[in-house]
Amino acid sequence: MRCYEDFSVGEVVEAGPVLVTAEDIKAFAAQFDPQPMHLDGAAVQNAIVGGLLASGLHVVCLNMRLLVDAFIRDTGSMGSPGVEEVRYLAPVRAGDSLAMRLEVTGLRPSASRADIGFLKFTSEMRNASGTPVMRMTATLIFPRRDAAAATGTA
């Protein structure tokens, strides 16, 4: 199980691809983001963008799935204090194949709890042509293996 000390700034993890289908787009939208541009490729709202689009939240959820499968699973992850930023950079359409690239951008021990540390990362989803479609910056909390040494207890 990976702990805080097992990560390094600059570490990169890649995962995917995951295929986005029209059925997936519509099913996600029907349950979580029922706007016309996500439900009906012929909707008036889609005239500007040219057809059915995946919800940005759908893309974030796909990113989260890849992040868990390729990075968080088999770690001591204790959750997240939050997401700093999510940017939707390009539309995601039915038939797109998305891959994730995550980079660890920062590590810092907790100032108030010697038993945890914070890992900051940027995760980017890209389509098959390499175009970034979504970027997220967030922080995860991990247990510290050397917490006893840091507090002077053993």
C-alpha atoms as a PDB file:
ATOM      1  CA  MET A   1       0.000   0.000   0.000  1.00  0.00           C
ATOM      2  CA  ARG A   2       1.458   3.339  -1.056  1.00  0.00           C
ATOM      3  CA  CYS A   3       1.676   6.089   1.547  1.00  0.00           C
ATOM      4  CA  TYR A   4       2.633   9.765   1.360  1.00  0.00           C
ATOM      5  CA  GLU A   5       6.377   9.025   1.293  1.00  0.00           C
ATOM      6  CA  ASP A   6       6.014   6.764  -1.737  1.00  0.00           C
ATOM      7  CA  PHE A   7       5.071   9.564  -4.133  1.00  0.00           C
ATOM      8  CA  SER A   8       7.298  12.125  -5.817  1.00  0.00           C
ATOM      9  CA  VAL A   9       6.697  15.442  -7.520  1.00  0.00           C
ATOM     10  CA  GLY A  10       6.784  14.896 -11.267  1.00  0.00           C
ATOM     11  CA  GLU A  11       5.432  11.343 -11.084  1.00  0.00           C
ATOM     12  CA  VAL A  12       3.164  10.677 -14.067  1.00  0.00           C
ATOM     13  CA  VAL A  13       0.434   8.072 -14.403  1.00  0.00           C
ATOM     14  CA  GLU A  14      -1.454   7.385 -17.621  1.00  0.00           C
ATOM     15  CA  ALA A  15      -4.646   5.375 -17.977  1.00  0.00           C
ATOM     16  CA  GLY A  16      -7.315   4.545 -20.484  1.00  0.00           C
ATOM     17  CA  PRO A  17      -8.603   4.748 -23.023  1.00  0.00           C
ATOM     18  CA  VAL A  18     -12.297   4.752 -22.291  1.00  0.00           C
ATOM     19  CA  LEU A  19     -14.802   4.944 -25.143  1.00  0.00           C
ATOM     20  CA  VAL A  20     -17.653   7.446 -24.820  1.00  0.00           C
ATOM     21  CA  THR A  21     -20.824   6.282 -26.594  1.00  0.00           C
ATOM     22  CA  ALA A  22     -24.004   8.170 -27.415  1.00  0.00           C
ATOM     23  CA  GLU A  23     -25.852   5.809 -25.091  1.00  0.00           C
ATOM     24  CA  ASP A  24     -23.427   6.611 -22.251  1.00  0.00           C
ATOM     25  CA  ILE A  25     -23.816  10.362 -22.850  1.00  0.00           C
ATOM     26  CA  LYS A  26     -27.611  10.184 -22.829  1.00  0.00           C
ATOM     27  CA  ALA A  27     -27.817   7.843 -19.822  1.00  0.00           C
ATOM     28  CA  PHE A  28     -25.528  10.026 -17.703  1.00  0.00           C
ATOM     29  CA  ALA A  29     -27.379  13.164 -18.768  1.00  0.00           C
ATOM     30  CA  ALA A  30     -30.809  11.672 -18.088  1.00  0.00           C
ATOM     31  CA  GLN A  31     -29.803  10.961 -14.510  1.00  0.00           C
ATOM     32  CA  PHE A  32     -27.452  13.816 -13.627  1.00  0.00           C
ATOM     33  CA  ASP A  33     -27.405  16.659 -16.187  1.00  0.00           C
ATOM     34  CA  PRO A  34     -30.625  16.600 -18.252  1.00  0.00           C
ATOM     35  CA  GLN A  35     -29.859  19.490 -20.565  1.00  0.00           C
ATOM     36  CA  PRO A  36     -30.908  19.211 -24.226  1.00  0.00           C
ATOM     37  CA  MET A  37     -27.329  19.300 -25.594  1.00  0.00           C
ATOM     38  CA  HIS A  38     -26.594  16.104 -23.640  1.00  0.00           C
ATOM     39  CA  LEU A  39     -29.841  14.303 -24.443  1.00  0.00           C
ATOM     40  CA  ASP A  40     -30.672  15.079 -28.061  1.00  0.00           C
ATOM     41  CA  GLY A  41     -28.145  15.529 -30.872  1.00  0.00           C
ATOM     42  CA  ALA A  42     -30.737  17.483 -32.846  1.00  0.00           C
ATOM     43  CA  ALA A  43     -31.492  19.967 -30.022  1.00  0.00           C
ATOM     44  CA  VAL A  44     -31.450  23.640 -30.893  1.00  0.00           C
ATOM     45  CA  GLN A  45     -28.692  24.197 -28.323  1.00  0.00           C
ATOM     46  CA  ASN A  46     -26.443  21.862 -30.322  1.00  0.00           C
ATOM     47  CA  ALA A  47     -26.623  23.923 -33.507  1.00  0.00           C
ATOM     48  CA  ILE A  48     -23.651  25.986 -32.316  1.00  0.00           C
ATOM     49  CA  VAL A  49     -21.471  23.015 -31.369  1.00  0.00           C
ATOM     50  CA  GLY A  50     -22.641  20.551 -33.982  1.00  0.00           C
ATOM     51  CA  GLY A  51     -24.344  17.690 -32.202  1.00  0.00           C
ATOM     52  CA  LEU A  52     -24.619  15.653 -29.047  1.00  0.00           C
ATOM     53  CA  LEU A  53     -22.067  16.525 -26.348  1.00  0.00           C
ATOM     54  CA  ALA A  54     -21.070  14.749 -23.160  1.00  0.00           C
ATOM     55  CA  SER A  55     -21.708  16.655 -19.958  1.00  0.00           C
ATOM     56  CA  GLY A  56     -18.550  18.089 -18.437  1.00  0.00           C
ATOM     57  CA  LEU A  57     -19.534  16.312 -15.234  1.00  0.00           C
ATOM     58  CA  HIS A  58     -19.634  13.040 -17.171  1.00  0.00           C
ATOM     59  CA  VAL A  59     -16.037  13.633 -18.283  1.00  0.00           C
ATOM     60  CA  VAL A  60     -15.026  14.424 -14.684  1.00  0.00           C
ATOM     61  CA  CYS A  61     -16.603  11.128 -13.572  1.00  0.00           C
ATOM     62  CA  LEU A  62     -14.755   9.202 -16.292  1.00  0.00           C
ATOM     63  CA  ASN A  63     -11.547  10.881 -15.134  1.00  0.00           C
ATOM     64  CA  MET A  64     -12.293   9.855 -11.555  1.00  0.00           C
ATOM     65  CA  ARG A  65     -12.800   6.242 -12.590  1.00  0.00           C
ATOM     66  CA  LEU A  66      -9.456   6.150 -14.390  1.00  0.00           C
ATOM     67  CA  LEU A  67      -7.795   7.987 -11.500  1.00  0.00           C
ATOM     68  CA  VAL A  68      -9.033   5.391  -9.002  1.00  0.00           C
ATOM     69  CA  ASP A  69      -8.136   2.410 -11.179  1.00  0.00           C
ATOM     70  CA  ALA A  70      -4.651   3.622 -12.128  1.00  0.00           C
ATOM     71  CA  PHE A  71      -3.535   5.763  -9.192  1.00  0.00           C
ATOM     72  CA  ILE A  72      -5.602   5.590  -5.994  1.00  0.00           C
ATOM     73  CA  ARG A  73      -6.325   1.866  -5.797  1.00  0.00           C
ATOM     74  CA  ASP A  74      -3.695   0.064  -3.700  1.00  0.00           C
ATOM     75  CA  THR A  75      -2.847   3.242  -1.793  1.00  0.00           C
ATOM     76  CA  GLY A  76      -3.835   4.466   1.628  1.00  0.00           C
ATOM     77  CA  SER A  77      -5.832   7.377   0.160  1.00  0.00           C
ATOM     78  CA  MET A  78      -7.943   9.054   2.816  1.00  0.00           C
ATOM     79  CA  GLY A  79     -10.029  11.173   0.451  1.00  0.00           C
ATOM     80  CA  SER A  80      -9.694  14.755  -0.650  1.00  0.00           C
ATOM     81  CA  PRO A  81     -10.172  18.173   0.916  1.00  0.00           C
ATOM     82  CA  GLY A  82     -11.436  19.357  -2.461  1.00  0.00           C
ATOM     83  CA  VAL A  83     -10.920  20.142  -6.096  1.00  0.00           C
ATOM     84  CA  GLU A  84      -9.268  23.468  -6.842  1.00  0.00           C
ATOM     85  CA  GLU A  85     -10.174  23.758 -10.487  1.00  0.00           C
ATOM     86  CA  VAL A  86     -11.914  21.958 -13.312  1.00  0.00           C
ATOM     87  CA  ARG A  87     -11.651  23.273 -16.867  1.00  0.00           C
ATOM     88  CA  TYR A  88     -13.558  21.989 -19.872  1.00  0.00           C
ATOM     89  CA  LEU A  89     -11.202  22.559 -22.790  1.00  0.00           C
ATOM     90  CA  ALA A  90     -12.924  20.921 -25.773  1.00  0.00           C
ATOM     91  CA  PRO A  91     -16.215  19.124 -26.436  1.00  0.00           C
ATOM     92  CA  VAL A  92     -16.477  15.377 -25.923  1.00  0.00           C
ATOM     93  CA  ARG A  93     -18.630  13.624 -28.492  1.00  0.00           C
ATOM     94  CA  ALA A  94     -20.020  10.148 -29.002  1.00  0.00           C
ATOM     95  CA  GLY A  95     -17.269   7.911 -30.330  1.00  0.00           C
ATOM     96  CA  ASP A  96     -14.456   9.786 -28.595  1.00  0.00           C
ATOM     97  CA  SER A  97     -11.858   7.665 -26.856  1.00  0.00           C
ATOM     98  CA  LEU A  98     -10.416   9.406 -23.797  1.00  0.00           C
ATOM     99  CA  ALA A  99      -7.212   8.782 -21.896  1.00  0.00           C
ATOM    100  CA  MET A 100      -6.046  10.310 -18.623  1.00  0.00           C
ATOM    101  CA  ARG A 101      -2.651  11.737 -17.766  1.00  0.00           C
ATOM    102  CA  LEU A 102      -2.049  12.587 -14.120  1.00  0.00           C
ATOM    103  CA  GLU A 103       1.003  14.410 -12.784  1.00  0.00           C
ATOM    104  CA  VAL A 104       1.901  14.851  -9.127  1.00  0.00           C
ATOM    105  CA  THR A 105       2.628  18.587  -8.773  1.00  0.00           C
ATOM    106  CA  GLY A 106       3.122  18.983  -5.042  1.00  0.00           C
ATOM    107  CA  LEU A 107       3.653  17.174  -1.757  1.00  0.00           C
ATOM    108  CA  ARG A 108       3.456  18.660   1.721  1.00  0.00           C
ATOM    109  CA  PRO A 109       3.140  17.167   5.177  1.00  0.00           C
ATOM    110  CA  SER A 110       0.215  18.403   7.246  1.00  0.00           C
ATOM    111  CA  ALA A 111       1.133  21.260   9.562  1.00  0.00           C
ATOM    112  CA  SER A 112      -1.424  20.147  12.145  1.00  0.00           C
ATOM    113  CA  ARG A 113      -1.331  16.338  11.896  1.00  0.00           C
ATOM    114  CA  ALA A 114       1.962  14.460  11.661  1.00  0.00           C
ATOM    115  CA  ASP A 115       0.170  11.307  10.492  1.00  0.00           C
ATOM    116  CA  ILE A 116      -0.986  12.674   7.108  1.00  0.00           C
ATOM    117  CA  GLY A 117       0.349  14.447   4.046  1.00  0.00           C
ATOM    118  CA  PHE A 118      -1.195  16.194   1.062  1.00  0.00           C
ATOM    119  CA  LEU A 119      -0.553  15.302  -2.574  1.00  0.00           C
ATOM    120  CA  LYS A 120      -1.526  17.860  -5.208  1.00  0.00           C
ATOM    121  CA  PHE A 121      -2.057  16.695  -8.775  1.00  0.00           C
ATOM    122  CA  THR A 122      -3.222  17.805 -12.169  1.00  0.00           C
ATOM    123  CA  SER A 123      -5.207  15.328 -14.206  1.00  0.00           C
ATOM    124  CA  GLU A 124      -5.943  15.826 -17.884  1.00  0.00           C
ATOM    125  CA  MET A 125      -8.307  13.924 -20.144  1.00  0.00           C
ATOM    126  CA  ARG A 126      -7.314  13.831 -23.833  1.00  0.00           C
ATOM    127  CA  ASN A 127      -9.106  12.510 -26.882  1.00  0.00           C
ATOM    128  CA  ALA A 128      -7.535  10.097 -29.372  1.00  0.00           C
ATOM    129  CA  SER A 129      -5.921  12.937 -31.311  1.00  0.00           C
ATOM    130  CA  GLY A 130      -4.208  14.128 -28.125  1.00  0.00           C
ATOM    131  CA  THR A 131      -6.377  17.208 -27.678  1.00  0.00           C
ATOM    132  CA  PRO A 132      -6.970  18.023 -24.006  1.00  0.00           C
ATOM    133  CA  VAL A 133     -10.711  18.021 -23.270  1.00  0.00           C
ATOM    134  CA  MET A 134     -10.707  18.477 -19.462  1.00  0.00           C
ATOM    135  CA  ARG A 135      -8.171  19.452 -16.823  1.00  0.00           C
ATOM    136  CA  MET A 136      -8.576  19.131 -13.069  1.00  0.00           C
ATOM    137  CA  THR A 137      -6.348  20.208 -10.196  1.00  0.00           C
ATOM    138  CA  ALA A 138      -7.036  18.617  -6.819  1.00  0.00           C
ATOM    139  CA  THR A 139      -5.471  17.395  -3.596  1.00  0.00           C
ATOM    140  CA  LEU A 140      -5.535  13.958  -1.976  1.00  0.00           C
ATOM    141  CA  ILE A 141      -4.761  13.025   1.620  1.00  0.00           C
ATOM    142  CA  PHE A 142      -2.463  10.083   2.363  1.00  0.00           C
ATOM    143  CA  PRO A 143      -1.265   8.522   5.603  1.00  0.00           C
ATOM    144  CA  ARG A 144       2.379   9.077   6.499  1.00  0.00           C
ATOM    145  CA  ARG A 145       4.418   5.981   7.126  1.00  0.00           C
ATOM    146  CA  ASP A 146       6.950   7.941   9.176  1.00  0.00           C
ATOM    147  CA  ALA A 147       4.338   9.634  11.406  1.00  0.00           C
ATOM    148  CA  ALA A 148       5.725   8.017  14.579  1.00  0.00           C
ATOM    149  CA  ALA A 149       9.213   9.324  13.821  1.00  0.00           C
ATOM    150  CA  ALA A 150       7.852  12.785  12.967  1.00  0.00           C
ATOM    151  CA  THR A 151       6.061  13.071  16.333  1.00  0.00           C
ATOM    152  CA  GLY A 152       8.852  11.503  18.366  1.00  0.00           C
ATOM    153  CA  THR A 153       6.662   8.568  19.414  1.00  0.00           C
ATOM    154  CA  ALA A 154       7.441   4.971  18.774  1.00  0.00           C
END
